C-alpha cells in the first residue's frame, strides 16, 4: 500500500525528533555517570548507603515537632515517621 508523501515526511520528522530526544537523554546520562565517577563512583554510593547522614538530638526534636500526628490529622505517614524519629532519639 502506498502512503502519501506528506504522511511519510511527517513520520520521518517524528522519528528524527525521537532520535534527537534519545540522544539528549544519552548525553545527560553520560554526564551523570562522569560526575558520579569523579566522586568515587560505585564506592561512593555504597559508602553513602552504609553511612546515612545522622541528625543531632536537637534536629530530631524539631523533626518530631514538624511531623507529629497531631499536626497532620493523625495520618498513617505522620505516625510512622514520628515513631521512627522517636526511636532515633
PDB file of N, CA and C in Angstrom:
ATOM      1  N   UNK A   1       0.841  -1.174   0.000  1.00  0.00           N
ATOM      2  CA  UNK A   1       0.000   0.000   0.000  1.00  0.00           C
ATOM      3  C   UNK A   1       0.889   1.241   0.000  1.00  0.00           C
ATOM      4  N   UNK A   2       0.481   2.211  -0.748  1.00  0.00           N
ATOM      5  CA  UNK A   2       1.257   3.436  -0.847  1.00  0.00           C
ATOM      6  C   UNK A   2       0.736   4.486   0.128  1.00  0.00           C
ATOM      7  N   UNK A   3       1.640   5.283   0.631  1.00  0.00           N
ATOM      8  CA  UNK A   3       1.240   6.386   1.505  1.00  0.00           C
ATOM      9  C   UNK A   3       1.549   7.689   0.811  1.00  0.00           C
ATOM     10  N   UNK A   4       0.847   8.687   1.253  1.00  0.00           N
ATOM     11  CA  UNK A   4       1.090   9.995   0.667  1.00  0.00           C
ATOM     12  C   UNK A   4       2.445  10.510   1.135  1.00  0.00           C
ATOM     13  N   UNK A   5       3.097  11.269   0.317  1.00  0.00           N
ATOM     14  CA  UNK A   5       4.420  11.808   0.620  1.00  0.00           C
ATOM     15  C   UNK A   5       4.395  12.640   1.894  1.00  0.00           C
ATOM     16  N   UNK A   6       3.345  13.436   2.103  1.00  0.00           N
ATOM     17  CA  UNK A   6       3.286  14.289   3.289  1.00  0.00           C
ATOM     18  C   UNK A   6       3.242  13.446   4.567  1.00  0.00           C
ATOM     19  N   UNK A   7       2.516  12.319   4.521  1.00  0.00           N
ATOM     20  CA  UNK A   7       2.457  11.442   5.694  1.00  0.00           C
ATOM     21  C   UNK A   7       3.832  10.818   5.948  1.00  0.00           C
ATOM     22  N   UNK A   8       4.503  10.423   4.888  1.00  0.00           N
ATOM     23  CA  UNK A   8       5.847   9.854   5.018  1.00  0.00           C
ATOM     24  C   UNK A   8       6.798  10.876   5.628  1.00  0.00           C
ATOM     25  N   UNK A   9       6.743  12.093   5.145  1.00  0.00           N
ATOM     26  CA  UNK A   9       7.623  13.147   5.665  1.00  0.00           C
ATOM     27  C   UNK A   9       7.324  13.444   7.128  1.00  0.00           C
ATOM     28  N   UNK A  10       6.040  13.412   7.506  1.00  0.00           N
ATOM     29  CA  UNK A  10       5.660  13.644   8.896  1.00  0.00           C
ATOM     30  C   UNK A  10       6.226  12.538   9.785  1.00  0.00           C
ATOM     31  N   UNK A  11       6.073  11.281   9.367  1.00  0.00           N
ATOM     32  CA  UNK A  11       6.601  10.163  10.145  1.00  0.00           C
ATOM     33  C   UNK A  11       8.124  10.224  10.247  1.00  0.00           C
ATOM     34  N   UNK A  12       8.753  10.621   9.169  1.00  0.00           N
ATOM     35  CA  UNK A  12      10.216  10.743   9.161  1.00  0.00           C
ATOM     36  C   UNK A  12      10.661  11.831  10.136  1.00  0.00           C
ATOM     37  N   UNK A  13       9.934  12.955  10.170  1.00  0.00           N
ATOM     38  CA  UNK A  13      10.269  14.051  11.084  1.00  0.00           C
ATOM     39  C   UNK A  13      10.050  13.623  12.536  1.00  0.00           C
ATOM     40  N   UNK A  14       8.956  12.883  12.792  1.00  0.00           N
ATOM     41  CA  UNK A  14       8.695  12.401  14.152  1.00  0.00           C
ATOM     42  C   UNK A  14       9.787  11.434  14.612  1.00  0.00           C
ATOM     43  N   UNK A  15      10.222  10.587  13.707  1.00  0.00           N
ATOM     44  CA  UNK A  15      11.298   9.649  14.043  1.00  0.00           C
ATOM     45  C   UNK A  15      12.574  10.409  14.374  1.00  0.00           C
ATOM     46  N   UNK A  16      12.864  11.432  13.604  1.00  0.00           N
ATOM     47  CA  UNK A  16      14.075  12.236  13.848  1.00  0.00           C
ATOM     48  C   UNK A  16      13.988  12.942  15.199  1.00  0.00           C
ATOM     49  N   UNK A  17      12.811  13.467  15.544  1.00  0.00           N
ATOM     50  CA  UNK A  17      12.638  14.122  16.840  1.00  0.00           C
ATOM     51  C   UNK A  17      12.857  13.133  17.978  1.00  0.00           C
ATOM     52  N   UNK A  18      12.361  11.913  17.809  1.00  0.00           N
ATOM     53  CA  UNK A  18      12.561  10.886  18.836  1.00  0.00           C
ATOM     54  C   UNK A  18      14.043  10.546  18.959  1.00  0.00           C
ATOM     55  N   UNK A  19      14.742  10.491  17.841  1.00  0.00           N
ATOM     56  CA  UNK A  19      16.181  10.200  17.875  1.00  0.00           C
ATOM     57  C   UNK A  19      16.946  11.312  18.584  1.00  0.00           C
ATOM     58  N   UNK A  20      16.559  12.549  18.331  1.00  0.00           N
ATOM     59  CA  UNK A  20      17.211  13.691  18.985  1.00  0.00           C
ATOM     60  C   UNK A  20      16.948  13.648  20.492  1.00  0.00           C
ATOM     61  N   UNK A  21      15.699  13.357  20.877  1.00  0.00           N
ATOM     62  CA  UNK A  21      15.362  13.261  22.291  1.00  0.00           C
ATOM     63  C   UNK A  21      16.175  12.162  22.963  1.00  0.00           C
ATOM     64  N   UNK A  22      16.282  11.014  22.298  1.00  0.00           N
ATOM     65  CA  UNK A  22      17.067   9.907  22.832  1.00  0.00           C
ATOM     66  C   UNK A  22      18.534  10.305  22.982  1.00  0.00           C
ATOM     67  N   UNK A  23      19.072  10.981  21.993  1.00  0.00           N
ATOM     68  CA  UNK A  23      20.475  11.402  22.044  1.00  0.00           C
ATOM     69  C   UNK A  23      20.708  12.368  23.202  1.00  0.00           C
ATOM     70  N   UNK A  24      19.779  13.292  23.424  1.00  0.00           N
ATOM     71  CA  UNK A  24      19.903  14.227  24.546  1.00  0.00           C
ATOM     72  C   UNK A  24      19.874  13.487  25.883  1.00  0.00           C
ATOM     73  N   UNK A  25      18.987  12.510  26.012  1.00  0.00           N
ATOM     74  CA  UNK A  25      18.935  11.717  27.237  1.00  0.00           C
ATOM     75  C   UNK A  25      20.227  10.922  27.435  1.00  0.00           C
ATOM     76  N   UNK A  26      20.765  10.381  26.354  1.00  0.00           N
ATOM     77  CA  UNK A  26      22.018   9.634  26.438  1.00  0.00           C
ATOM     78  C   UNK A  26      23.153  10.535  26.898  1.00  0.00           C
ATOM     79  N   UNK A  27      23.210  11.754  26.374  1.00  0.00           N
ATOM     80  CA  UNK A  27      24.252  12.702  26.780  1.00  0.00           C
ATOM     81  C   UNK A  27      24.115  13.066  28.261  1.00  0.00           C
ATOM     82  N   UNK A  28      22.887  13.301  28.718  1.00  0.00           N
ATOM     83  CA  UNK A  28      22.675  13.621  30.130  1.00  0.00           C
ATOM     84  C   UNK A  28      23.090  12.445  31.012  1.00  0.00           C
ATOM     85  N   UNK A  29      22.754  11.242  30.583  1.00  0.00           N
ATOM     86  CA  UNK A  29      23.141  10.040  31.328  1.00  0.00           C
ATOM     87  C   UNK A  29      24.661   9.966  31.457  1.00  0.00           C
ATOM     88  N   UNK A  30      25.353  10.154  30.354  1.00  0.00           N
ATOM     89  CA  UNK A  30      26.819  10.091  30.380  1.00  0.00           C
ATOM     90  C   UNK A  30      27.406  11.168  31.285  1.00  0.00           C
ATOM     91  N   UNK A  31      26.801  12.347  31.297  1.00  0.00           N
ATOM     92  CA  UNK A  31      27.285  13.409  32.182  1.00  0.00           C
ATOM     93  C   UNK A  31      27.100  13.018  33.645  1.00  0.00           C
ATOM     94  N   UNK A  32      25.963  12.410  33.967  1.00  0.00           N
ATOM     95  CA  UNK A  32      25.732  11.968  35.342  1.00  0.00           C
ATOM     96  C   UNK A  32      26.718  10.880  35.753  1.00  0.00           C
ATOM     97  N   UNK A  33      26.994   9.949  34.851  1.00  0.00           N
ATOM     98  CA  UNK A  33      27.947   8.879  35.153  1.00  0.00           C
ATOM     99  C   UNK A  33      29.346   9.462  35.356  1.00  0.00           C
ATOM    100  N   UNK A  34      29.741  10.398  34.511  1.00  0.00           N
ATOM    101  CA  UNK A  34      31.051  11.038  34.671  1.00  0.00           C
ATOM    102  C   UNK A  34      31.139  11.768  36.008  1.00  0.00           C
ATOM    103  N   UNK A  35      30.064  12.471  36.373  1.00  0.00           N
ATOM    104  CA  UNK A  35      30.057  13.194  37.646  1.00  0.00           C
ATOM    105  C   UNK A  35      30.163  12.224  38.819  1.00  0.00           C
ATOM    106  N   UNK A  36      29.421  11.142  38.750  1.00  0.00           N
ATOM    107  CA  UNK A  36      29.474  10.124  39.799  1.00  0.00           C
ATOM    108  C   UNK A  36      30.878   9.538  39.906  1.00  0.00           C
ATOM    109  N   UNK A  37      31.492   9.265  38.785  1.00  0.00           N
ATOM    110  CA  UNK A  37      32.839   8.700  38.794  1.00  0.00           C
ATOM    111  C   UNK A  37      33.866   9.663  39.397  1.00  0.00           C
ATOM    112  N   UNK A  38      33.655  10.962  39.208  1.00  0.00           N
ATOM    113  CA  UNK A  38      34.564  11.938  39.815  1.00  0.00           C
ATOM    114  C   UNK A  38      34.498  11.891  41.333  1.00  0.00           C
ATOM    115  N   UNK A  39      33.361  11.494  41.879  1.00  0.00           N
ATOM    116  CA  UNK A  39      33.191  11.423  43.331  1.00  0.00           C
ATOM    117  C   UNK A  39      33.447  10.024  43.874  1.00  0.00           C
ATOM    118  N   UNK A  40      34.007   9.153  43.086  1.00  0.00           N
ATOM    119  CA  UNK A  40      34.354   7.832  43.576  1.00  0.00           C
ATOM    120  C   UNK A  40      33.488   6.715  43.039  1.00  0.00           C
ATOM    121  N   UNK A  41      32.561   7.021  42.158  1.00  0.00           N
ATOM    122  CA  UNK A  41      31.758   6.003  41.505  1.00  0.00           C
ATOM    123  C   UNK A  41      30.921   5.175  42.455  1.00  0.00           C
ATOM    124  N   UNK A  42      30.876   3.896  42.183  1.00  0.00           N
ATOM    125  CA  UNK A  42      30.050   2.974  42.950  1.00  0.00           C
ATOM    126  C   UNK A  42      30.478   2.921  44.417  1.00  0.00           C
ATOM    127  N   UNK A  43      31.761   3.087  44.672  1.00  0.00           N
ATOM    128  CA  UNK A  43      32.253   3.075  46.048  1.00  0.00           C
ATOM    129  C   UNK A  43      31.595   4.184  46.863  1.00  0.00           C
ATOM    130  N   UNK A  44      31.440   5.361  46.255  1.00  0.00           N
ATOM    131  CA  UNK A  44      30.804   6.480  46.952  1.00  0.00           C
ATOM    132  C   UNK A  44      29.349   6.168  47.270  1.00  0.00           C
ATOM    133  N   UNK A  45      28.641   5.529  46.338  1.00  0.00           N
ATOM    134  CA  UNK A  45      27.249   5.166  46.580  1.00  0.00           C
ATOM    135  C   UNK A  45      27.130   4.125  47.689  1.00  0.00           C
ATOM    136  N   UNK A  46      28.001   3.139  47.667  1.00  0.00           N
ATOM    137  CA  UNK A  46      27.963   2.086  48.684  1.00  0.00           C
ATOM    138  C   UNK A  46      28.280   2.659  50.063  1.00  0.00           C
ATOM    139  N   UNK A  47      29.255   3.565  50.134  1.00  0.00           N
ATOM    140  CA  UNK A  47      29.622   4.196  51.398  1.00  0.00           C
ATOM    141  C   UNK A  47      28.459   5.020  51.941  1.00  0.00           C
ATOM    142  N   UNK A  48      27.804   5.770  51.054  1.00  0.00           N
ATOM    143  CA  UNK A  48      26.669   6.590  51.478  1.00  0.00           C
ATOM    144  C   UNK A  48      25.529   5.717  51.981  1.00  0.00           C
ATOM    145  N   UNK A  49      25.324   4.563  51.367  1.00  0.00           N
ATOM    146  CA  UNK A  49      24.255   3.665  51.799  1.00  0.00           C
ATOM    147  C   UNK A  49      24.565   3.058  53.164  1.00  0.00           C
ATOM    148  N   UNK A  50      25.835   2.777  53.420  1.00  0.00           N
ATOM    149  CA  UNK A  50      26.225   2.179  54.702  1.00  0.00           C
ATOM    150  C   UNK A  50      26.253   3.205  55.825  1.00  0.00           C
ATOM    151  N   UNK A  51      26.527   4.446  55.495  1.00  0.00           N
ATOM    152  CA  UNK A  51      26.651   5.514  56.493  1.00  0.00           C
ATOM    153  C   UNK A  51      25.699   6.654  56.170  1.00  0.00           C
ATOM    154  N   UNK A  52      24.401   6.466  56.399  1.00  0.00           N
ATOM    155  CA  UNK A  52      23.456   7.542  56.091  1.00  0.00           C
ATOM    156  C   UNK A  52      23.707   8.746  56.997  1.00  0.00           C
ATOM    157  N   UNK A  53      23.330   9.935  56.538  1.00  0.00           N
ATOM    158  CA  UNK A  53      23.529  11.124  57.364  1.00  0.00           C
ATOM    159  C   UNK A  53      22.758  11.014  58.671  1.00  0.00           C
ATOM    160  N   UNK A  54      23.346  11.524  59.727  1.00  0.00           N
ATOM    161  CA  UNK A  54      22.736  11.451  61.046  1.00  0.00           C
ATOM    162  C   UNK A  54      22.222  12.835  61.448  1.00  0.00           C
ATOM    163  N   UNK A  55      21.144  12.827  62.244  1.00  0.00           N
ATOM    164  CA  UNK A  55      20.603  14.067  62.774  1.00  0.00           C
ATOM    165  C   UNK A  55      21.058  14.229  64.213  1.00  0.00           C
ATOM    166  N   UNK A  56      21.258  15.483  64.607  1.00  0.00           N
ATOM    167  CA  UNK A  56      21.570  15.751  66.014  1.00  0.00           C
ATOM    168  C   UNK A  56      20.286  15.602  66.835  1.00  0.00           C
ATOM    169  N   UNK A  57      20.421  15.525  68.149  1.00  0.00           N
ATOM    170  CA  UNK A  57      19.245  15.395  69.027  1.00  0.00           C
ATOM    171  C   UNK A  57      18.306  16.586  68.862  1.00  0.00           C
ATOM    172  N   UNK A  58      18.881  17.763  68.684  1.00  0.00           N
ATOM    173  CA  UNK A  58      18.071  18.961  68.506  1.00  0.00           C
ATOM    174  C   UNK A  58      17.302  18.899  67.176  1.00  0.00           C
ATOM    175  N   UNK A  59      17.963  18.418  66.126  1.00  0.00           N
ATOM    176  CA  UNK A  59      17.301  18.293  64.830  1.00  0.00           C
ATOM    177  C   UNK A  59      16.168  17.266  64.887  1.00  0.00           C
ATOM    178  N   UNK A  60      16.384  16.161  65.593  1.00  0.00           N
ATOM    179  CA  UNK A  60      15.341  15.145  65.738  1.00  0.00           C
ATOM    180  C   UNK A  60      14.133  15.729  66.467  1.00  0.00           C
ATOM    181  N   UNK A  61      14.393  16.513  67.497  1.00  0.00           N
ATOM    182  CA  UNK A  61      13.310  17.143  68.250  1.00  0.00           C
ATOM    183  C   UNK A  61      12.484  18.058  67.340  1.00  0.00           C
ATOM    184  N   UNK A  62      13.161  18.818  66.502  1.00  0.00           N
ATOM    185  CA  UNK A  62      12.469  19.710  65.564  1.00  0.00           C
ATOM    186  C   UNK A  62      11.674  18.914  64.535  1.00  0.00           C
ATOM    187  N   UNK A  63      12.247  17.831  64.040  1.00  0.00           N
ATOM    188  CA  UNK A  63      11.543  16.996  63.060  1.00  0.00           C
ATOM    189  C   UNK A  63      10.295  16.363  63.660  1.00  0.00           C
ATOM    190  N   UNK A  64      10.390  15.912  64.902  1.00  0.00           N
ATOM    191  CA  UNK A  64       9.216  15.348  65.577  1.00  0.00           C
ATOM    192  C   UNK A  64       8.123  16.407  65.687  1.00  0.00           C
ATOM    193  N   UNK A  65       8.514  17.625  66.045  1.00  0.00           N
ATOM    194  CA  UNK A  65       7.529  18.706  66.154  1.00  0.00           C
ATOM    195  C   UNK A  65       6.871  19.000  64.804  1.00  0.00           C
ATOM    196  N   UNK A  66       7.643  18.898  63.722  1.00  0.00           N
ATOM    197  CA  UNK A  66       7.105  19.194  62.394  1.00  0.00           C
ATOM    198  C   UNK A  66       6.164  18.116  61.874  1.00  0.00           C
ATOM    199  N   UNK A  67       6.455  16.855  62.159  1.00  0.00           N
ATOM    200  CA  UNK A  67       5.656  15.791  61.553  1.00  0.00           C
ATOM    201  C   UNK A  67       4.748  15.072  62.541  1.00  0.00           C
ATOM    202  N   UNK A  68       4.584  15.595  63.720  1.00  0.00           N
ATOM    203  CA  UNK A  68       3.759  14.944  64.746  1.00  0.00           C
ATOM    204  C   UNK A  68       2.337  14.698  64.229  1.00  0.00           C
ATOM    205  N   UNK A  69       1.763  13.538  64.546  1.00  0.00           N
ATOM    206  CA  UNK A  69       0.408  13.203  64.069  1.00  0.00           C
ATOM    207  C   UNK A  69      -0.660  14.229  64.460  1.00  0.00           C
ATOM    208  N   UNK A  70      -0.493  14.895  65.593  1.00  0.00           N
ATOM    209  CA  UNK A  70      -1.472  15.904  65.998  1.00  0.00           C
ATOM    210  C   UNK A  70      -1.565  17.042  64.979  1.00  0.00           C
ATOM    211  N   UNK A  71      -0.501  17.282  64.267  1.00  0.00           N
ATOM    212  CA  UNK A  71      -0.482  18.366  63.287  1.00  0.00           C
ATOM    213  C   UNK A  71      -0.896  17.896  61.901  1.00  0.00           C
ATOM    214  N   UNK A  72      -1.082  16.587  61.722  1.00  0.00           N
ATOM    215  CA  UNK A  72      -1.404  16.041  60.401  1.00  0.00           C
ATOM    216  C   UNK A  72      -2.594  15.088  60.456  1.00  0.00           C
ATOM    217  N   UNK A  73      -3.581  15.439  61.220  1.00  0.00           N
ATOM    218  CA  UNK A  73      -4.841  14.688  61.303  1.00  0.00           C
ATOM    219  C   UNK A  73      -4.609  13.204  61.560  1.00  0.00           C
ATOM    220  N   UNK A  74      -3.601  12.898  62.364  1.00  0.00           N
ATOM    221  CA  UNK A  74      -3.304  11.515  62.744  1.00  0.00           C
ATOM    222  C   UNK A  74      -3.099  10.595  61.533  1.00  0.00           C
ATOM    223  N   UNK A  75      -2.475  11.135  60.500  1.00  0.00           N
ATOM    224  CA  UNK A  75      -2.275  10.349  59.275  1.00  0.00           C
ATOM    225  C   UNK A  75      -1.297   9.201  59.517  1.00  0.00           C
ATOM    226  N   UNK A  76      -1.451   8.099  58.787  1.00  0.00           N
ATOM    227  CA  UNK A  76      -0.553   6.955  58.967  1.00  0.00           C
ATOM    228  C   UNK A  76       0.916   7.310  58.713  1.00  0.00           C
ATOM    229  N   UNK A  77       1.166   8.162  57.750  1.00  0.00           N
ATOM    230  CA  UNK A  77       2.553   8.540  57.435  1.00  0.00           C
ATOM    231  C   UNK A  77       3.164   9.309  58.603  1.00  0.00           C
ATOM    232  N   UNK A  78       2.407  10.255  59.157  1.00  0.00           N
ATOM    233  CA  UNK A  78       2.959  11.033  60.271  1.00  0.00           C
ATOM    234  C   UNK A  78       3.201  10.142  61.486  1.00  0.00           C
ATOM    235  N   UNK A  79       2.318   9.161  61.715  1.00  0.00           N
ATOM    236  CA  UNK A  79       2.529   8.205  62.811  1.00  0.00           C
ATOM    237  C   UNK A  79       3.796   7.387  62.597  1.00  0.00           C
ATOM    238  N   UNK A  80       3.968   6.905  61.372  1.00  0.00           N
ATOM    239  CA  UNK A  80       5.134   6.070  61.062  1.00  0.00           C
ATOM    240  C   UNK A  80       6.439   6.846  61.236  1.00  0.00           C
ATOM    241  N   UNK A  81       6.492   8.027  60.651  1.00  0.00           N
ATOM    242  CA  UNK A  81       7.732   8.818  60.703  1.00  0.00           C
ATOM    243  C   UNK A  81       8.019   9.278  62.136  1.00  0.00           C
ATOM    244  N   UNK A  82       6.996   9.692  62.848  1.00  0.00           N
ATOM    245  CA  UNK A  82       7.202  10.113  64.237  1.00  0.00           C
ATOM    246  C   UNK A  82       7.739   8.957  65.070  1.00  0.00           C
ATOM    247  N   UNK A  83       7.193   7.759  64.859  1.00  0.00           N
ATOM    248  CA  UNK A  83       7.675   6.583  65.595  1.00  0.00           C
ATOM    249  C   UNK A  83       9.148   6.318  65.284  1.00  0.00           C
ATOM    250  N   UNK A  84       9.518   6.432  64.025  1.00  0.00           N
ATOM    251  CA  UNK A  84      10.925   6.218  63.662  1.00  0.00           C
ATOM    252  C   UNK A  84      11.830   7.274  64.274  1.00  0.00           C
ATOM    253  N   UNK A  85      11.366   8.514  64.280  1.00  0.00           N
ATOM    254  CA  UNK A  85      12.158   9.590  64.885  1.00  0.00           C
ATOM    255  C   UNK A  85      12.296   9.389  66.390  1.00  0.00           C
ATOM    256  N   UNK A  86      11.240   8.916  67.025  1.00  0.00           N
ATOM    257  CA  UNK A  86      11.315   8.667  68.470  1.00  0.00           C
ATOM    258  C   UNK A  86      12.307   7.557  68.773  1.00  0.00           C
ATOM    259  N   UNK A  87      12.415   6.564  67.906  1.00  0.00           N
ATOM    260  CA  UNK A  87      13.429   5.507  68.092  1.00  0.00           C
ATOM    261  C   UNK A  87      14.839   6.064  67.939  1.00  0.00           C
ATOM    262  N   UNK A  88      15.002   7.041  67.035  1.00  0.00           N
ATOM    263  CA  UNK A  88      16.321   7.630  66.786  1.00  0.00           C
ATOM    264  C   UNK A  88      16.742   8.506  67.972  1.00  0.00           C
ATOM    265  N   UNK A  89      15.749   9.052  68.682  1.00  0.00           N
ATOM    266  CA  UNK A  89      16.034   9.990  69.754  1.00  0.00           C
ATOM    267  C   UNK A  89      16.681   9.339  70.891  1.00  0.00           C
TER     268      UNK A  89
END
